[in-house]
């Protein structure tokens, strides 16, 4: 499966907005309101 992913050049979609750990409530609301494109990142 890893080989197929490498050959197909598949990468996870990550939203450009990064939240700090202290802003985890904002990150949850951001995702809940569907403002994100892909995964939401919380920097620890």
Protein backbone atom coordinates (compact mmCIF):
# COMPACT_ATOMS: atom_id res chain seq x y z
CA UNK A 1 0.00 0.00 0.00
CA UNK A 2 2.86 2.41 0.79
CA UNK A 3 4.27 1.78 -2.68
CA UNK A 4 0.91 2.58 -4.29
CA UNK A 5 0.67 5.81 -2.29
CA UNK A 6 4.21 6.78 -3.33
CA UNK A 7 3.56 6.01 -7.00
CA UNK A 8 0.26 7.91 -7.04
CA UNK A 9 1.81 10.90 -5.21
CA UNK A 10 -0.99 10.92 -2.64
CA UNK A 11 -0.54 13.37 0.24
CA UNK A 12 -2.83 14.25 3.16
CA UNK A 13 -4.69 17.54 2.89
CA UNK A 14 -3.86 19.86 5.79
CA UNK A 15 -5.51 23.23 6.33
CA UNK A 16 -3.13 26.21 6.31
CA UNK A 17 -4.38 27.45 9.69
CA UNK A 18 -2.46 26.10 12.70
CA UNK A 19 -3.80 26.47 16.24
CA UNK A 20 -1.81 26.52 19.46
CA UNK A 21 -2.68 24.03 22.19
CA UNK A 22 -4.21 26.85 24.24
CA UNK A 23 -6.56 27.61 21.33
CA UNK A 24 -7.89 24.05 21.04
CA UNK A 25 -11.47 25.25 21.63
CA UNK A 26 -11.13 27.60 18.64
CA UNK A 27 -9.73 24.73 16.55
CA UNK A 28 -12.72 22.56 17.43
CA UNK A 29 -15.17 25.34 16.50
CA UNK A 30 -13.24 26.02 13.27
CA UNK A 31 -13.64 22.38 12.25
CA UNK A 32 -17.24 22.12 13.50
CA UNK A 33 -18.26 25.11 11.33
CA UNK A 34 -16.55 23.40 8.36
CA UNK A 35 -14.13 26.26 7.64
CA UNK A 36 -11.27 23.81 7.24
CA UNK A 37 -9.90 22.20 4.13
CA UNK A 38 -8.59 18.81 5.24
CA UNK A 39 -7.09 18.22 8.66
CA UNK A 40 -6.89 20.81 11.43
CA UNK A 41 -3.48 21.12 13.12
CA UNK A 42 -2.99 21.87 16.82
CA UNK A 43 0.62 22.67 17.66
CA UNK A 44 1.65 21.25 21.04
